[in-house]
Amino acid sequence: MLNKIKFLFILFILISFSCDKTPEENNYIPEISYPYDFFFEHDGLNRLYTLYKPDNLKEKAPLVFVLHGYTSNSTNIMNYSKMNTIADQHGFMVCYPQGTSNLYTGMPHWNANLKEMSSVDDDGFLTALAKKLQAEFNLSEKNTFASGMSNGGFMSFTLACERSDTFKAIASVTGTMSGYDWENCNPNKVPVLQISGTIDQVVPMDGSMSSAGGWGGAPDIQTIINYWSTINECNNTQSIDLPNTYSQDNSYVSLQKKTDCYNNHEVWFYTVHGGAHTWPGAWGNMDISASQEIWSFFSRYLE
């Protein structure tokens, strides 16, 4: 009998301590340490994306997408772009989505209307992901931007052509417009930043990229810049030689700005003279940081 009373007493104590816990303690969720990998199902595919959330993120903060190049991945571009550091400084969220494996090569890619080689709905995926993140983190619906390297730059132009209601401005580093986009783009006015190297053999500035797979077909990059300048109703051109602060990289940068545009929707074209297929500030030209230039451009359009 005594043992039974002792058992009941101990059980009572345990229940009492359990009842004293708050609902939050009973449903404890470990705090996420960013950057962190998430998955989002879209169009029957379980899509990976890496998210970086600065500690100082405020309500209605901007959202910047950074898209990797062909054969690459979200981790690589996060590491070399160092966009997280800039996000810490300026209080915006960064999303590094992962492309899917191409059906023919097995390489990660973005379907920038590359209809000969891909049927993945990346246009829809990136737009749906942007809206999900805006709602989930209470981010600004008016301040979402897209940028990318190479194939990621192609995809940024696709979003400018088709999703300017979601992506307010775009930046392409060593990318261009796909053949389909050049022939079919019917965009609204979108601010555009482009960075190209004069000795880039992967995506040549002269528009001589092979049309295989749907990649080539767009003209030289200056014609593309003029096209977006016309779309944005720009009336003036400023040409600037930027300081050659790092002579060891055997390159220098000039900047052409298309200004006096509709609602200040400018077009900036950085030419890296002696530059190859690189992300300035990470490797190749070290006179500028592509990531810093991209954010400086995007920040002009914050509402």
C-alpha atoms as a PDB file:
ATOM      1  CA  MET A   1       0.000   0.000   0.000  1.00  0.00           C
ATOM      2  CA  LEU A   2       2.819   2.371   0.909  1.00  0.00           C
ATOM      3  CA  ASN A   3       4.534   1.722  -2.430  1.00  0.00           C
ATOM      4  CA  LYS A   4       1.286   2.454  -4.252  1.00  0.00           C
ATOM      5  CA  ILE A   5       0.916   5.800  -2.460  1.00  0.00           C
ATOM      6  CA  LYS A   6       4.536   6.675  -3.263  1.00  0.00           C
ATOM      7  CA  PHE A   7       3.972   5.832  -6.942  1.00  0.00           C
ATOM      8  CA  LEU A   8       0.852   8.001  -7.123  1.00  0.00           C
ATOM      9  CA  PHE A   9       2.678  10.884  -5.456  1.00  0.00           C
ATOM     10  CA  ILE A  10       5.563  10.734  -7.958  1.00  0.00           C
ATOM     11  CA  LEU A  11       3.084  10.518 -10.853  1.00  0.00           C
ATOM     12  CA  PHE A  12       1.266  13.605  -9.545  1.00  0.00           C
ATOM     13  CA  ILE A  13       4.537  15.555  -9.392  1.00  0.00           C
ATOM     14  CA  LEU A  14       5.438  14.594 -12.955  1.00  0.00           C
ATOM     15  CA  ILE A  15       2.014  15.586 -14.273  1.00  0.00           C
ATOM     16  CA  SER A  16       2.197  18.895 -12.439  1.00  0.00           C
ATOM     17  CA  PHE A  17       5.530  19.792 -14.011  1.00  0.00           C
ATOM     18  CA  SER A  18       4.232  18.787 -17.419  1.00  0.00           C
ATOM     19  CA  CYS A  19       1.145  20.974 -17.074  1.00  0.00           C
ATOM     20  CA  ASP A  20       3.262  23.958 -16.054  1.00  0.00           C
ATOM     21  CA  LYS A  21       4.971  24.043 -19.458  1.00  0.00           C
ATOM     22  CA  THR A  22       3.827  26.607 -21.967  1.00  0.00           C
ATOM     23  CA  PRO A  23       2.489  25.526 -25.364  1.00  0.00           C
ATOM     24  CA  GLU A  24       5.686  26.842 -26.926  1.00  0.00           C
ATOM     25  CA  GLU A  25       7.820  24.544 -24.735  1.00  0.00           C
ATOM     26  CA  ASN A  26       5.669  21.539 -25.515  1.00  0.00           C
ATOM     27  CA  ASN A  27       5.980  22.257 -29.262  1.00  0.00           C
ATOM     28  CA  TYR A  28       9.605  23.372 -29.365  1.00  0.00           C
ATOM     29  CA  ILE A  29      10.969  24.041 -32.848  1.00  0.00           C
ATOM     30  CA  PRO A  30      14.750  24.495 -33.106  1.00  0.00           C
ATOM     31  CA  GLU A  31      15.806  27.917 -34.370  1.00  0.00           C
ATOM     32  CA  ILE A  32      16.995  27.810 -37.973  1.00  0.00           C
ATOM     33  CA  SER A  33      20.547  28.892 -38.683  1.00  0.00           C
ATOM     34  CA  TYR A  34      20.828  30.609 -42.066  1.00  0.00           C
ATOM     35  CA  PRO A  35      21.768  29.940 -44.823  1.00  0.00           C
ATOM     36  CA  TYR A  36      19.386  26.983 -44.857  1.00  0.00           C
ATOM     37  CA  ASP A  37      18.164  24.586 -47.547  1.00  0.00           C
ATOM     38  CA  PHE A  38      14.429  24.238 -48.127  1.00  0.00           C
ATOM     39  CA  PHE A  39      12.242  22.376 -50.602  1.00  0.00           C
ATOM     40  CA  PHE A  40       9.221  23.634 -52.504  1.00  0.00           C
ATOM     41  CA  GLU A  41       7.012  21.446 -54.653  1.00  0.00           C
ATOM     42  CA  HIS A  42       6.052  22.959 -57.977  1.00  0.00           C
ATOM     43  CA  ASP A  43       4.619  21.375 -61.089  1.00  0.00           C
ATOM     44  CA  GLY A  44       5.247  17.891 -59.706  1.00  0.00           C
ATOM     45  CA  LEU A  45       8.911  18.557 -58.866  1.00  0.00           C
ATOM     46  CA  ASN A  46      10.427  18.929 -55.400  1.00  0.00           C
ATOM     47  CA  ARG A  47      12.602  22.007 -55.894  1.00  0.00           C
ATOM     48  CA  LEU A  48      15.556  22.927 -53.698  1.00  0.00           C
ATOM     49  CA  TYR A  49      16.423  26.496 -52.720  1.00  0.00           C
ATOM     50  CA  THR A  50      18.902  27.979 -50.270  1.00  0.00           C
ATOM     51  CA  LEU A  51      17.679  30.919 -48.239  1.00  0.00           C
ATOM     52  CA  TYR A  52      19.663  33.562 -46.372  1.00  0.00           C
ATOM     53  CA  LYS A  53      17.883  35.679 -43.773  1.00  0.00           C
ATOM     54  CA  PRO A  54      19.921  38.423 -42.094  1.00  0.00           C
ATOM     55  CA  ASP A  55      19.481  38.934 -38.368  1.00  0.00           C
ATOM     56  CA  ASN A  56      18.361  42.512 -39.015  1.00  0.00           C
ATOM     57  CA  LEU A  57      15.613  41.597 -41.512  1.00  0.00           C
ATOM     58  CA  LYS A  58      12.619  43.896 -41.095  1.00  0.00           C
ATOM     59  CA  GLU A  59       9.035  43.619 -42.272  1.00  0.00           C
ATOM     60  CA  LYS A  60       8.539  44.412 -45.964  1.00  0.00           C
ATOM     61  CA  ALA A  61      12.238  43.883 -46.656  1.00  0.00           C
ATOM     62  CA  PRO A  62      13.442  43.374 -50.241  1.00  0.00           C
ATOM     63  CA  LEU A  63      14.027  39.940 -51.764  1.00  0.00           C
ATOM     64  CA  VAL A  64      16.890  39.224 -54.177  1.00  0.00           C
ATOM     65  CA  PHE A  65      17.135  36.045 -56.260  1.00  0.00           C
ATOM     66  CA  VAL A  66      20.625  34.934 -57.323  1.00  0.00           C
ATOM     67  CA  LEU A  67      20.603  32.241 -60.031  1.00  0.00           C
ATOM     68  CA  HIS A  68      23.566  29.961 -60.702  1.00  0.00           C
ATOM     69  CA  GLY A  69      24.987  29.172 -64.130  1.00  0.00           C
ATOM     70  CA  TYR A  70      24.685  26.075 -66.304  1.00  0.00           C
ATOM     71  CA  THR A  71      26.280  22.982 -64.643  1.00  0.00           C
ATOM     72  CA  SER A  72      26.649  24.901 -61.363  1.00  0.00           C
ATOM     73  CA  ASN A  73      24.543  25.026 -58.199  1.00  0.00           C
ATOM     74  CA  SER A  74      23.064  27.292 -55.558  1.00  0.00           C
ATOM     75  CA  THR A  75      25.875  26.704 -53.040  1.00  0.00           C
ATOM     76  CA  ASN A  76      28.603  27.709 -55.478  1.00  0.00           C
ATOM     77  CA  ILE A  77      27.064  31.029 -56.410  1.00  0.00           C
ATOM     78  CA  MET A  78      26.216  31.797 -52.795  1.00  0.00           C
ATOM     79  CA  ASN A  79      29.853  31.249 -51.840  1.00  0.00           C
ATOM     80  CA  TYR A  80      31.530  33.229 -54.611  1.00  0.00           C
ATOM     81  CA  SER A  81      28.995  36.057 -54.942  1.00  0.00           C
ATOM     82  CA  LYS A  82      29.157  36.840 -51.212  1.00  0.00           C
ATOM     83  CA  MET A  83      25.712  38.371 -51.557  1.00  0.00           C
ATOM     84  CA  ASN A  84      24.959  37.319 -47.966  1.00  0.00           C
ATOM     85  CA  THR A  85      27.465  39.869 -46.687  1.00  0.00           C
ATOM     86  CA  ILE A  86      25.741  42.620 -48.666  1.00  0.00           C
ATOM     87  CA  ALA A  87      22.374  41.401 -47.372  1.00  0.00           C
ATOM     88  CA  ASP A  88      23.678  41.764 -43.812  1.00  0.00           C
ATOM     89  CA  GLN A  89      24.729  45.330 -44.551  1.00  0.00           C
ATOM     90  CA  HIS A  90      21.461  46.405 -46.179  1.00  0.00           C
ATOM     91  CA  GLY A  91      18.800  44.168 -44.662  1.00  0.00           C
ATOM     92  CA  PHE A  92      17.386  42.146 -47.550  1.00  0.00           C
ATOM     93  CA  MET A  93      16.680  38.428 -47.981  1.00  0.00           C
ATOM     94  CA  VAL A  94      18.571  36.358 -50.559  1.00  0.00           C
ATOM     95  CA  CYS A  95      17.228  33.277 -52.316  1.00  0.00           C
ATOM     96  CA  TYR A  96      19.534  30.922 -54.213  1.00  0.00           C
ATOM     97  CA  PRO A  97      17.281  28.450 -56.066  1.00  0.00           C
ATOM     98  CA  GLN A  98      18.616  25.263 -57.608  1.00  0.00           C
ATOM     99  CA  GLY A  99      18.023  24.446 -61.264  1.00  0.00           C
ATOM    100  CA  THR A 100      16.959  20.983 -62.381  1.00  0.00           C
ATOM    101  CA  SER A 101      18.988  18.425 -64.313  1.00  0.00           C
ATOM    102  CA  ASN A 102      18.721  18.801 -68.055  1.00  0.00           C
ATOM    103  CA  LEU A 103      17.047  15.829 -69.720  1.00  0.00           C
ATOM    104  CA  TYR A 104      19.805  15.420 -72.330  1.00  0.00           C
ATOM    105  CA  THR A 105      22.991  16.272 -70.434  1.00  0.00           C
ATOM    106  CA  GLY A 106      22.062  15.692 -66.787  1.00  0.00           C
ATOM    107  CA  MET A 107      23.501  19.133 -65.946  1.00  0.00           C
ATOM    108  CA  PRO A 108      21.734  21.696 -63.738  1.00  0.00           C
ATOM    109  CA  HIS A 109      20.106  24.392 -65.843  1.00  0.00           C
ATOM    110  CA  TRP A 110      17.461  27.092 -66.038  1.00  0.00           C
ATOM    111  CA  ASN A 111      14.879  26.869 -68.788  1.00  0.00           C
ATOM    112  CA  ALA A 112      15.180  30.391 -70.195  1.00  0.00           C
ATOM    113  CA  ASN A 113      12.731  29.387 -72.935  1.00  0.00           C
ATOM    114  CA  LEU A 114      15.287  26.842 -74.137  1.00  0.00           C
ATOM    115  CA  LYS A 115      12.478  24.863 -75.708  1.00  0.00           C
ATOM    116  CA  GLU A 116      14.751  22.570 -77.713  1.00  0.00           C
ATOM    117  CA  MET A 117      16.341  21.142 -74.572  1.00  0.00           C
ATOM    118  CA  SER A 118      13.965  21.663 -71.654  1.00  0.00           C
ATOM    119  CA  SER A 119      10.308  21.652 -70.681  1.00  0.00           C
ATOM    120  CA  VAL A 120      10.761  22.595 -66.998  1.00  0.00           C
ATOM    121  CA  ASP A 121       8.543  25.485 -65.886  1.00  0.00           C
ATOM    122  CA  ASP A 122      11.282  27.565 -64.248  1.00  0.00           C
ATOM    123  CA  ASP A 123       9.413  30.758 -65.083  1.00  0.00           C
ATOM    124  CA  GLY A 124       6.457  29.561 -63.025  1.00  0.00           C
ATOM    125  CA  PHE A 125       8.628  28.025 -60.295  1.00  0.00           C
ATOM    126  CA  LEU A 126      10.630  31.181 -59.579  1.00  0.00           C
ATOM    127  CA  THR A 127       7.505  33.340 -59.611  1.00  0.00           C
ATOM    128  CA  ALA A 128       5.617  30.995 -57.278  1.00  0.00           C
ATOM    129  CA  LEU A 129       8.633  30.785 -54.969  1.00  0.00           C
ATOM    130  CA  ALA A 130       8.894  34.571 -54.839  1.00  0.00           C
ATOM    131  CA  LYS A 131       5.244  34.856 -53.833  1.00  0.00           C
ATOM    132  CA  LYS A 132       5.642  32.093 -51.223  1.00  0.00           C
ATOM    133  CA  LEU A 133       8.619  33.845 -49.610  1.00  0.00           C
ATOM    134  CA  GLN A 134       6.908  37.238 -49.707  1.00  0.00           C
ATOM    135  CA  ALA A 135       3.952  35.783 -47.776  1.00  0.00           C
ATOM    136  CA  GLU A 136       5.952  33.563 -45.414  1.00  0.00           C
ATOM    137  CA  PHE A 137       8.438  36.237 -44.304  1.00  0.00           C
ATOM    138  CA  ASN A 138       6.248  39.311 -44.821  1.00  0.00           C
ATOM    139  CA  LEU A 139       8.591  40.631 -47.521  1.00  0.00           C
ATOM    140  CA  SER A 140       7.850  43.481 -49.893  1.00  0.00           C
ATOM    141  CA  GLU A 141       5.830  42.467 -52.942  1.00  0.00           C
ATOM    142  CA  LYS A 142       7.117  45.593 -54.687  1.00  0.00           C
ATOM    143  CA  ASN A 143      10.837  45.003 -54.082  1.00  0.00           C
ATOM    144  CA  THR A 144      11.698  41.586 -55.520  1.00  0.00           C
ATOM    145  CA  PHE A 145      14.641  41.351 -57.933  1.00  0.00           C
ATOM    146  CA  ALA A 146      16.342  38.690 -60.080  1.00  0.00           C
ATOM    147  CA  SER A 147      20.030  38.315 -60.903  1.00  0.00           C
ATOM    148  CA  GLY A 148      22.211  35.527 -62.198  1.00  0.00           C
ATOM    149  CA  MET A 149      25.436  34.277 -63.715  1.00  0.00           C
ATOM    150  CA  SER A 150      25.543  33.000 -67.321  1.00  0.00           C
ATOM    151  CA  ASN A 151      22.473  30.720 -67.688  1.00  0.00           C
ATOM    152  CA  GLY A 152      21.164  32.479 -64.574  1.00  0.00           C
ATOM    153  CA  GLY A 153      21.524  35.739 -66.512  1.00  0.00           C
ATOM    154  CA  PHE A 154      19.555  34.214 -69.403  1.00  0.00           C
ATOM    155  CA  MET A 155      16.831  33.264 -66.911  1.00  0.00           C
ATOM    156  CA  SER A 156      16.805  36.772 -65.460  1.00  0.00           C
ATOM    157  CA  PHE A 157      16.048  38.148 -68.933  1.00  0.00           C
ATOM    158  CA  THR A 158      13.232  35.583 -69.282  1.00  0.00           C
ATOM    159  CA  LEU A 159      11.735  36.880 -66.037  1.00  0.00           C
ATOM    160  CA  ALA A 160      12.054  40.450 -67.340  1.00  0.00           C
ATOM    161  CA  CYS A 161      10.214  39.418 -70.502  1.00  0.00           C
ATOM    162  CA  GLU A 162       7.440  37.482 -68.796  1.00  0.00           C
ATOM    163  CA  ARG A 163       7.256  38.251 -65.070  1.00  0.00           C
ATOM    164  CA  SER A 164       7.874  41.958 -64.601  1.00  0.00           C
ATOM    165  CA  ASP A 165       4.771  42.034 -62.401  1.00  0.00           C
ATOM    166  CA  THR A 166       6.797  40.037 -59.832  1.00  0.00           C
ATOM    167  CA  PHE A 167      10.450  40.930 -60.548  1.00  0.00           C
ATOM    168  CA  LYS A 168      10.996  44.665 -60.530  1.00  0.00           C
ATOM    169  CA  ALA A 169      14.507  44.788 -62.025  1.00  0.00           C
ATOM    170  CA  ILE A 170      17.049  42.263 -63.281  1.00  0.00           C
ATOM    171  CA  ALA A 171      20.819  41.867 -63.500  1.00  0.00           C
ATOM    172  CA  SER A 172      22.704  39.547 -65.851  1.00  0.00           C
ATOM    173  CA  VAL A 173      26.372  38.704 -65.353  1.00  0.00           C
ATOM    174  CA  THR A 174      27.842  37.124 -68.529  1.00  0.00           C
ATOM    175  CA  GLY A 175      24.348  36.133 -69.680  1.00  0.00           C
ATOM    176  CA  THR A 176      22.242  37.307 -72.589  1.00  0.00           C
ATOM    177  CA  MET A 177      18.787  36.688 -74.040  1.00  0.00           C
ATOM    178  CA  SER A 178      17.957  33.254 -75.433  1.00  0.00           C
ATOM    179  CA  GLY A 179      17.040  33.013 -79.090  1.00  0.00           C
ATOM    180  CA  TYR A 180      13.377  32.492 -78.237  1.00  0.00           C
ATOM    181  CA  ASP A 181      13.286  35.425 -75.822  1.00  0.00           C
ATOM    182  CA  TRP A 182      14.860  37.738 -78.379  1.00  0.00           C
ATOM    183  CA  GLU A 183      12.260  36.790 -80.976  1.00  0.00           C
ATOM    184  CA  ASN A 184       9.252  36.757 -78.633  1.00  0.00           C
ATOM    185  CA  CYS A 185       9.871  39.111 -75.706  1.00  0.00           C
ATOM    186  CA  ASN A 186       7.077  41.618 -75.236  1.00  0.00           C
ATOM    187  CA  PRO A 187       8.019  43.201 -71.927  1.00  0.00           C
ATOM    188  CA  ASN A 188       6.885  45.996 -69.725  1.00  0.00           C
ATOM    189  CA  LYS A 189       9.448  48.581 -68.712  1.00  0.00           C
ATOM    190  CA  VAL A 190      12.115  46.876 -66.577  1.00  0.00           C
ATOM    191  CA  PRO A 191      15.438  48.287 -65.327  1.00  0.00           C
ATOM    192  CA  VAL A 192      18.297  46.111 -66.604  1.00  0.00           C
ATOM    193  CA  LEU A 193      21.944  45.708 -65.576  1.00  0.00           C
ATOM    194  CA  GLN A 194      24.362  43.727 -67.771  1.00  0.00           C
ATOM    195  CA  ILE A 195      28.006  42.758 -67.177  1.00  0.00           C
ATOM    196  CA  SER A 196      29.975  41.220 -70.074  1.00  0.00           C
ATOM    197  CA  GLY A 197      33.630  40.477 -70.768  1.00  0.00           C
ATOM    198  CA  THR A 198      35.235  41.249 -74.105  1.00  0.00           C
ATOM    199  CA  ILE A 199      37.036  37.874 -74.277  1.00  0.00           C
ATOM    200  CA  ASP A 200      34.145  35.770 -72.985  1.00  0.00           C
ATOM    201  CA  GLN A 201      34.173  32.647 -75.167  1.00  0.00           C
ATOM    202  CA  VAL A 202      31.181  31.003 -73.455  1.00  0.00           C
ATOM    203  CA  VAL A 203      28.640  33.766 -74.059  1.00  0.00           C
ATOM    204  CA  PRO A 204      30.391  36.035 -76.591  1.00  0.00           C
ATOM    205  CA  MET A 205      29.441  39.699 -76.593  1.00  0.00           C
ATOM    206  CA  ASP A 206      29.074  39.679 -80.380  1.00  0.00           C
ATOM    207  CA  GLY A 207      26.055  37.358 -80.329  1.00  0.00           C
ATOM    208  CA  SER A 208      27.863  34.512 -82.070  1.00  0.00           C
ATOM    209  CA  MET A 209      26.734  31.924 -79.522  1.00  0.00           C
ATOM    210  CA  SER A 210      25.588  28.652 -81.079  1.00  0.00           C
ATOM    211  CA  SER A 211      21.843  28.296 -81.499  1.00  0.00           C
ATOM    212  CA  ALA A 212      21.981  24.626 -80.421  1.00  0.00           C
ATOM    213  CA  GLY A 213      19.561  23.910 -77.601  1.00  0.00           C
ATOM    214  CA  GLY A 214      17.887  27.258 -78.092  1.00  0.00           C
ATOM    215  CA  TRP A 215      20.727  29.223 -76.503  1.00  0.00           C
ATOM    216  CA  GLY A 216      21.836  31.495 -79.344  1.00  0.00           C
ATOM    217  CA  GLY A 217      19.861  33.641 -81.723  1.00  0.00           C
ATOM    218  CA  ALA A 218      20.078  36.958 -79.931  1.00  0.00           C
ATOM    219  CA  PRO A 219      22.235  39.706 -81.492  1.00  0.00           C
ATOM    220  CA  ASP A 220      25.305  41.349 -79.965  1.00  0.00           C
ATOM    221  CA  ILE A 221      24.940  42.547 -76.395  1.00  0.00           C
ATOM    222  CA  GLN A 222      25.019  46.250 -77.339  1.00  0.00           C
ATOM    223  CA  THR A 223      21.947  45.728 -79.528  1.00  0.00           C
ATOM    224  CA  ILE A 224      20.216  44.060 -76.588  1.00  0.00           C
ATOM    225  CA  ILE A 225      21.123  47.006 -74.350  1.00  0.00           C
ATOM    226  CA  ASN A 226      19.712  49.398 -76.947  1.00  0.00           C
ATOM    227  CA  TYR A 227      16.542  47.294 -77.152  1.00  0.00           C
ATOM    228  CA  TRP A 228      15.890  47.572 -73.408  1.00  0.00           C
ATOM    229  CA  SER A 229      16.792  51.252 -73.520  1.00  0.00           C
ATOM    230  CA  THR A 230      14.085  51.753 -76.142  1.00  0.00           C
ATOM    231  CA  ILE A 231      11.587  49.759 -74.074  1.00  0.00           C
ATOM    232  CA  ASN A 232      12.379  51.961 -71.067  1.00  0.00           C
ATOM    233  CA  GLU A 233      12.217  55.150 -73.152  1.00  0.00           C
ATOM    234  CA  CYS A 234      15.754  56.222 -72.258  1.00  0.00           C
ATOM    235  CA  ASN A 235      16.944  59.379 -73.983  1.00  0.00           C
ATOM    236  CA  ASN A 236      20.540  59.898 -72.885  1.00  0.00           C
ATOM    237  CA  THR A 237      23.768  57.901 -72.647  1.00  0.00           C
ATOM    238  CA  GLN A 238      26.571  58.355 -70.130  1.00  0.00           C
ATOM    239  CA  SER A 239      29.924  56.622 -70.629  1.00  0.00           C
ATOM    240  CA  ILE A 240      32.291  56.202 -67.685  1.00  0.00           C
ATOM    241  CA  ASP A 241      35.700  54.520 -67.362  1.00  0.00           C
ATOM    242  CA  LEU A 242      35.806  53.099 -63.851  1.00  0.00           C
ATOM    243  CA  PRO A 243      39.048  53.260 -61.837  1.00  0.00           C
ATOM    244  CA  ASN A 244      41.506  50.493 -62.678  1.00  0.00           C
ATOM    245  CA  THR A 245      42.316  49.844 -59.047  1.00  0.00           C
ATOM    246  CA  TYR A 246      43.694  46.320 -59.522  1.00  0.00           C
ATOM    247  CA  SER A 247      46.144  46.310 -62.404  1.00  0.00           C
ATOM    248  CA  GLN A 248      47.234  42.692 -61.831  1.00  0.00           C
ATOM    249  CA  ASP A 249      43.987  41.329 -63.324  1.00  0.00           C
ATOM    250  CA  ASN A 250      44.874  42.619 -66.834  1.00  0.00           C
ATOM    251  CA  SER A 251      41.428  44.146 -67.281  1.00  0.00           C
ATOM    252  CA  TYR A 252      39.474  47.312 -66.695  1.00  0.00           C
ATOM    253  CA  VAL A 253      35.781  48.234 -66.650  1.00  0.00           C
ATOM    254  CA  SER A 254      33.759  50.825 -68.505  1.00  0.00           C
ATOM    255  CA  LEU A 255      30.140  51.615 -67.687  1.00  0.00           C
ATOM    256  CA  GLN A 256      27.526  52.790 -70.158  1.00  0.00           C
ATOM    257  CA  LYS A 257      24.384  54.176 -68.542  1.00  0.00           C
ATOM    258  CA  LYS A 258      21.165  54.701 -70.458  1.00  0.00           C
ATOM    259  CA  THR A 259      19.478  57.500 -68.531  1.00  0.00           C
ATOM    260  CA  ASP A 260      16.587  59.958 -68.648  1.00  0.00           C
ATOM    261  CA  CYS A 261      14.207  57.002 -68.866  1.00  0.00           C
ATOM    262  CA  TYR A 262      10.550  56.392 -68.096  1.00  0.00           C
ATOM    263  CA  ASN A 263      10.114  56.456 -64.305  1.00  0.00           C
ATOM    264  CA  ASN A 264      13.929  56.373 -64.000  1.00  0.00           C
ATOM    265  CA  HIS A 265      14.060  52.793 -65.381  1.00  0.00           C
ATOM    266  CA  GLU A 266      17.712  52.940 -66.416  1.00  0.00           C
ATOM    267  CA  VAL A 267      19.836  50.366 -68.277  1.00  0.00           C
ATOM    268  CA  TRP A 268      23.447  49.879 -67.128  1.00  0.00           C
ATOM    269  CA  PHE A 269      26.013  48.040 -69.217  1.00  0.00           C
ATOM    270  CA  TYR A 270      29.392  47.154 -67.693  1.00  0.00           C
ATOM    271  CA  THR A 271      32.034  46.083 -70.230  1.00  0.00           C
ATOM    272  CA  VAL A 272      34.997  44.261 -68.703  1.00  0.00           C
ATOM    273  CA  HIS A 273      37.794  44.925 -71.183  1.00  0.00           C
ATOM    274  CA  GLY A 274      40.004  41.843 -71.106  1.00  0.00           C
ATOM    275  CA  GLY A 275      37.385  40.029 -69.037  1.00  0.00           C
ATOM    276  CA  ALA A 276      36.284  36.436 -69.619  1.00  0.00           C
ATOM    277  CA  HIS A 277      33.288  34.406 -68.385  1.00  0.00           C
ATOM    278  CA  THR A 278      33.616  35.501 -64.767  1.00  0.00           C
ATOM    279  CA  TRP A 279      31.841  37.170 -61.844  1.00  0.00           C
ATOM    280  CA  PRO A 280      33.881  40.344 -61.167  1.00  0.00           C
ATOM    281  CA  GLY A 281      35.001  40.595 -57.575  1.00  0.00           C
ATOM    282  CA  ALA A 282      35.072  36.819 -57.197  1.00  0.00           C
ATOM    283  CA  TRP A 283      37.580  35.937 -59.920  1.00  0.00           C
ATOM    284  CA  GLY A 284      38.822  37.635 -63.067  1.00  0.00           C
ATOM    285  CA  ASN A 285      38.371  41.381 -62.828  1.00  0.00           C
ATOM    286  CA  MET A 286      38.763  42.704 -59.290  1.00  0.00           C
ATOM    287  CA  ASP A 287      38.160  46.411 -59.953  1.00  0.00           C
ATOM    288  CA  ILE A 288      34.472  46.018 -59.119  1.00  0.00           C
ATOM    289  CA  SER A 289      32.300  43.662 -57.119  1.00  0.00           C
ATOM    290  CA  ALA A 290      29.478  42.460 -59.359  1.00  0.00           C
ATOM    291  CA  SER A 291      27.358  41.747 -56.291  1.00  0.00           C
ATOM    292  CA  GLN A 292      27.870  45.231 -54.891  1.00  0.00           C
ATOM    293  CA  GLU A 293      27.086  46.819 -58.263  1.00  0.00           C
ATOM    294  CA  ILE A 294      23.931  44.705 -58.559  1.00  0.00           C
ATOM    295  CA  TRP A 295      22.609  45.773 -55.167  1.00  0.00           C
ATOM    296  CA  SER A 296      23.512  49.425 -55.823  1.00  0.00           C
ATOM    297  CA  PHE A 297      21.420  49.176 -58.996  1.00  0.00           C
ATOM    298  CA  PHE A 298      18.477  47.342 -57.399  1.00  0.00           C
ATOM    299  CA  SER A 299      18.398  49.723 -54.433  1.00  0.00           C
ATOM    300  CA  ARG A 300      17.556  52.586 -56.798  1.00  0.00           C
ATOM    301  CA  TYR A 301      14.127  51.000 -57.315  1.00  0.00           C
ATOM    302  CA  LEU A 302      13.071  50.333 -53.738  1.00  0.00           C
ATOM    303  CA  GLU A 303       9.607  51.529 -52.783  1.00  0.00           C
END
